[in-house]
Amino acid sequence: MTIIWQLIVGLIIGAIARLLLPGREAIAEGALGWLITALIGMGGAFLGTLVGSALWGGEGYTAGWIMSILGAILLLLLARVLFAKKS
């Protein structure tokens, strides 16, 4: 049940990050796109925890919503750079 909860929260964080960041990403459509969005949200929460614990917290720091969303935005920007279509 924990994995399902992490996917749901990751999907929410990833969706908020995609709404806040203007433009389109080279992410697949449909169910695979939803899964990738959830994974980006989960990765953003992990990245937010790492950055937040290095800056403010110590051992046992967990990222809040804002740090998780900022981490997901950073991952989306990285995905845009890596998977940008050359025109």
N, C-alpha and C. Protein backbone atom coordinates (compact mmCIF):
# COMPACT_ATOMS: atom_id res chain seq x y z
N MET A 1 0.82 -1.19 0.00
CA MET A 1 0.00 0.00 0.00
C MET A 1 0.87 1.26 0.00
N THR A 2 2.05 1.17 0.57
CA THR A 2 2.94 2.34 0.63
C THR A 2 3.36 2.78 -0.76
N ILE A 3 3.63 1.85 -1.65
CA ILE A 3 4.05 2.19 -3.01
C ILE A 3 2.93 2.90 -3.76
N ILE A 4 1.72 2.44 -3.56
CA ILE A 4 0.58 3.09 -4.22
C ILE A 4 0.42 4.51 -3.69
N TRP A 5 0.57 4.70 -2.37
CA TRP A 5 0.47 6.04 -1.80
C TRP A 5 1.56 6.95 -2.34
N GLN A 6 2.80 6.43 -2.48
CA GLN A 6 3.89 7.23 -3.03
C GLN A 6 3.62 7.61 -4.48
N LEU A 7 3.05 6.70 -5.26
CA LEU A 7 2.70 7.02 -6.65
C LEU A 7 1.64 8.11 -6.72
N ILE A 8 0.65 8.04 -5.84
CA ILE A 8 -0.42 9.05 -5.85
C ILE A 8 0.13 10.42 -5.48
N VAL A 9 0.92 10.48 -4.40
CA VAL A 9 1.50 11.76 -3.99
C VAL A 9 2.48 12.27 -5.05
N GLY A 10 3.27 11.36 -5.64
CA GLY A 10 4.18 11.75 -6.71
C GLY A 10 3.44 12.29 -7.91
N LEU A 11 2.30 11.69 -8.24
CA LEU A 11 1.48 12.18 -9.35
C LEU A 11 0.97 13.59 -9.07
N ILE A 12 0.55 13.84 -7.85
CA ILE A 12 0.05 15.17 -7.49
C ILE A 12 1.19 16.19 -7.59
N ILE A 13 2.35 15.86 -7.03
CA ILE A 13 3.50 16.78 -7.07
C ILE A 13 3.94 17.01 -8.52
N GLY A 14 4.03 15.95 -9.31
CA GLY A 14 4.42 16.09 -10.71
C GLY A 14 3.43 16.90 -11.52
N ALA A 15 2.15 16.70 -11.26
CA ALA A 15 1.12 17.46 -11.99
C ALA A 15 1.18 18.95 -11.62
N ILE A 16 1.39 19.25 -10.34
CA ILE A 16 1.50 20.66 -9.94
C ILE A 16 2.73 21.28 -10.59
N ALA A 17 3.84 20.54 -10.61
CA ALA A 17 5.06 21.07 -11.24
C ALA A 17 4.85 21.32 -12.73
N ARG A 18 4.15 20.40 -13.40
CA ARG A 18 3.89 20.59 -14.83
C ARG A 18 2.95 21.75 -15.09
N LEU A 19 2.03 22.01 -14.16
CA LEU A 19 1.14 23.16 -14.31
C LEU A 19 1.87 24.48 -14.08
N LEU A 20 2.82 24.49 -13.15
CA LEU A 20 3.54 25.72 -12.84
C LEU A 20 4.59 26.06 -13.88
N LEU A 21 5.11 25.08 -14.58
CA LEU A 21 6.16 25.30 -15.56
C LEU A 21 5.53 25.42 -16.95
N PRO A 22 5.61 26.61 -17.57
CA PRO A 22 4.96 26.78 -18.87
C PRO A 22 5.67 26.00 -19.96
N GLY A 23 4.93 25.65 -20.98
CA GLY A 23 5.50 24.92 -22.12
C GLY A 23 5.16 23.44 -22.06
N ARG A 24 5.68 22.73 -23.06
CA ARG A 24 5.41 21.29 -23.16
C ARG A 24 6.69 20.51 -23.01
N GLU A 25 6.57 19.34 -22.42
CA GLU A 25 7.69 18.43 -22.29
C GLU A 25 7.55 17.32 -23.32
N ALA A 26 8.65 16.69 -23.61
CA ALA A 26 8.64 15.55 -24.53
C ALA A 26 8.31 14.29 -23.73
N ILE A 27 7.13 14.27 -23.12
CA ILE A 27 6.68 13.14 -22.31
C ILE A 27 5.55 12.46 -23.06
N ALA A 28 5.54 11.15 -22.99
CA ALA A 28 4.55 10.35 -23.71
C ALA A 28 3.13 10.72 -23.27
N GLU A 29 2.19 10.43 -24.12
CA GLU A 29 0.78 10.67 -23.85
C GLU A 29 0.16 9.44 -23.19
N GLY A 30 -0.98 9.61 -22.58
CA GLY A 30 -1.74 8.50 -22.03
C GLY A 30 -1.22 8.02 -20.69
N ALA A 31 -1.41 6.73 -20.45
CA ALA A 31 -1.05 6.14 -19.15
C ALA A 31 0.44 6.23 -18.87
N LEU A 32 1.26 6.08 -19.90
CA LEU A 32 2.71 6.18 -19.70
C LEU A 32 3.08 7.60 -19.28
N GLY A 33 2.44 8.60 -19.82
CA GLY A 33 2.68 9.99 -19.42
C GLY A 33 2.33 10.23 -17.96
N TRP A 34 1.22 9.65 -17.51
CA TRP A 34 0.84 9.77 -16.10
C TRP A 34 1.87 9.10 -15.20
N LEU A 35 2.36 7.95 -15.60
CA LEU A 35 3.37 7.24 -14.82
C LEU A 35 4.68 8.04 -14.76
N ILE A 36 5.08 8.61 -15.89
CA ILE A 36 6.30 9.42 -15.92
C ILE A 36 6.13 10.67 -15.06
N THR A 37 4.95 11.28 -15.09
CA THR A 37 4.68 12.44 -14.24
C THR A 37 4.77 12.06 -12.76
N ALA A 38 4.24 10.89 -12.40
CA ALA A 38 4.32 10.43 -11.02
C ALA A 38 5.77 10.17 -10.62
N LEU A 39 6.55 9.58 -11.51
CA LEU A 39 7.95 9.32 -11.21
C LEU A 39 8.75 10.62 -11.08
N ILE A 40 8.43 11.61 -11.90
CA ILE A 40 9.08 12.92 -11.76
C ILE A 40 8.71 13.55 -10.43
N GLY A 41 7.47 13.41 -10.02
CA GLY A 41 7.05 13.94 -8.71
C GLY A 41 7.75 13.23 -7.57
N MET A 42 7.89 11.92 -7.66
CA MET A 42 8.60 11.16 -6.62
C MET A 42 10.08 11.55 -6.59
N GLY A 43 10.67 11.70 -7.77
CA GLY A 43 12.06 12.14 -7.83
C GLY A 43 12.23 13.55 -7.31
N GLY A 44 11.24 14.42 -7.57
CA GLY A 44 11.28 15.78 -7.05
C GLY A 44 11.21 15.81 -5.53
N ALA A 45 10.41 14.93 -4.94
CA ALA A 45 10.36 14.85 -3.48
C ALA A 45 11.69 14.37 -2.92
N PHE A 46 12.31 13.42 -3.59
CA PHE A 46 13.62 12.94 -3.16
C PHE A 46 14.67 14.05 -3.28
N LEU A 47 14.67 14.75 -4.40
CA LEU A 47 15.61 15.85 -4.61
C LEU A 47 15.36 16.99 -3.62
N GLY A 48 14.10 17.29 -3.37
CA GLY A 48 13.75 18.31 -2.39
C GLY A 48 14.21 17.94 -0.99
N THR A 49 14.13 16.66 -0.65
CA THR A 49 14.61 16.20 0.64
C THR A 49 16.12 16.35 0.74
N LEU A 50 16.84 16.01 -0.32
CA LEU A 50 18.29 16.14 -0.29
C LEU A 50 18.72 17.59 -0.15
N VAL A 51 18.13 18.47 -0.94
CA VAL A 51 18.50 19.88 -0.88
C VAL A 51 18.09 20.49 0.45
N GLY A 52 16.89 20.20 0.90
CA GLY A 52 16.41 20.75 2.16
C GLY A 52 17.21 20.29 3.36
N SER A 53 17.60 19.02 3.36
CA SER A 53 18.40 18.54 4.49
C SER A 53 19.80 19.14 4.48
N ALA A 54 20.33 19.43 3.30
CA ALA A 54 21.66 20.05 3.22
C ALA A 54 21.60 21.52 3.65
N LEU A 55 20.49 22.21 3.36
CA LEU A 55 20.42 23.63 3.67
C LEU A 55 19.88 23.92 5.07
N TRP A 56 18.76 23.30 5.45
CA TRP A 56 18.08 23.69 6.68
C TRP A 56 18.02 22.59 7.71
N GLY A 57 17.73 21.42 7.28
CA GLY A 57 17.49 20.35 8.23
C GLY A 57 18.76 19.58 8.53
N GLY A 58 18.57 18.56 9.20
CA GLY A 58 19.68 17.67 9.50
C GLY A 58 19.25 16.27 9.15
N GLU A 59 19.66 15.36 9.95
CA GLU A 59 19.29 13.97 9.75
C GLU A 59 17.79 13.82 10.05
N GLY A 60 17.09 13.10 9.22
CA GLY A 60 15.67 12.89 9.42
C GLY A 60 14.79 13.98 8.80
N TYR A 61 15.36 14.89 8.03
CA TYR A 61 14.58 15.94 7.38
C TYR A 61 13.76 15.33 6.25
N THR A 62 12.51 15.69 6.16
CA THR A 62 11.67 15.29 5.02
C THR A 62 11.17 16.55 4.34
N ALA A 63 11.14 16.50 3.03
CA ALA A 63 10.73 17.67 2.26
C ALA A 63 9.25 17.92 2.41
N GLY A 64 8.89 19.17 2.45
CA GLY A 64 7.49 19.55 2.43
C GLY A 64 7.03 19.65 0.98
N TRP A 65 5.82 20.12 0.81
CA TRP A 65 5.25 20.22 -0.53
C TRP A 65 6.03 21.18 -1.42
N ILE A 66 6.44 22.31 -0.85
CA ILE A 66 7.10 23.33 -1.68
C ILE A 66 8.44 22.82 -2.19
N MET A 67 9.24 22.22 -1.31
CA MET A 67 10.54 21.69 -1.74
C MET A 67 10.36 20.53 -2.73
N SER A 68 9.34 19.73 -2.53
CA SER A 68 9.07 18.63 -3.46
C SER A 68 8.70 19.16 -4.84
N ILE A 69 7.86 20.19 -4.89
CA ILE A 69 7.46 20.77 -6.17
C ILE A 69 8.65 21.44 -6.84
N LEU A 70 9.47 22.15 -6.07
CA LEU A 70 10.67 22.77 -6.65
C LEU A 70 11.62 21.71 -7.20
N GLY A 71 11.77 20.60 -6.50
CA GLY A 71 12.60 19.51 -7.00
C GLY A 71 12.04 18.92 -8.29
N ALA A 72 10.72 18.77 -8.36
CA ALA A 72 10.09 18.26 -9.57
C ALA A 72 10.25 19.23 -10.73
N ILE A 73 10.18 20.53 -10.46
CA ILE A 73 10.39 21.53 -11.51
C ILE A 73 11.82 21.43 -12.04
N LEU A 74 12.78 21.26 -11.13
CA LEU A 74 14.17 21.08 -11.58
C LEU A 74 14.32 19.84 -12.46
N LEU A 75 13.66 18.75 -12.09
CA LEU A 75 13.72 17.54 -12.91
C LEU A 75 13.05 17.73 -14.26
N LEU A 76 11.95 18.49 -14.31
CA LEU A 76 11.30 18.77 -15.59
C LEU A 76 12.19 19.62 -16.48
N LEU A 77 12.86 20.60 -15.90
CA LEU A 77 13.79 21.41 -16.69
C LEU A 77 14.93 20.56 -17.23
N LEU A 78 15.42 19.65 -16.41
CA LEU A 78 16.48 18.74 -16.86
C LEU A 78 15.97 17.83 -17.98
N ALA A 79 14.74 17.35 -17.85
CA ALA A 79 14.16 16.50 -18.90
C ALA A 79 13.99 17.28 -20.20
N ARG A 80 13.63 18.55 -20.11
CA ARG A 80 13.50 19.37 -21.32
C ARG A 80 14.84 19.53 -22.01
N VAL A 81 15.89 19.73 -21.24
CA VAL A 81 17.22 19.90 -21.82
C VAL A 81 17.70 18.59 -22.47
N LEU A 82 17.49 17.48 -21.78
CA LEU A 82 17.98 16.20 -22.28
C LEU A 82 17.18 15.68 -23.46
N PHE A 83 15.87 15.88 -23.45
CA PHE A 83 15.02 15.29 -24.48
C PHE A 83 14.44 16.31 -25.45
N ALA A 84 15.07 17.48 -25.54
CA ALA A 84 14.59 18.50 -26.47
C ALA A 84 14.77 18.04 -27.89
N LYS A 85 13.76 18.29 -28.70
CA LYS A 85 13.85 17.93 -30.12
C LYS A 85 14.62 19.01 -30.85
N LYS A 86 15.58 18.60 -31.61
CA LYS A 86 16.37 19.54 -32.40
C LYS A 86 15.56 19.98 -33.62
N SER A 87 15.49 21.28 -33.84
CA SER A 87 14.72 21.75 -35.00
C SER A 87 15.61 22.48 -35.97
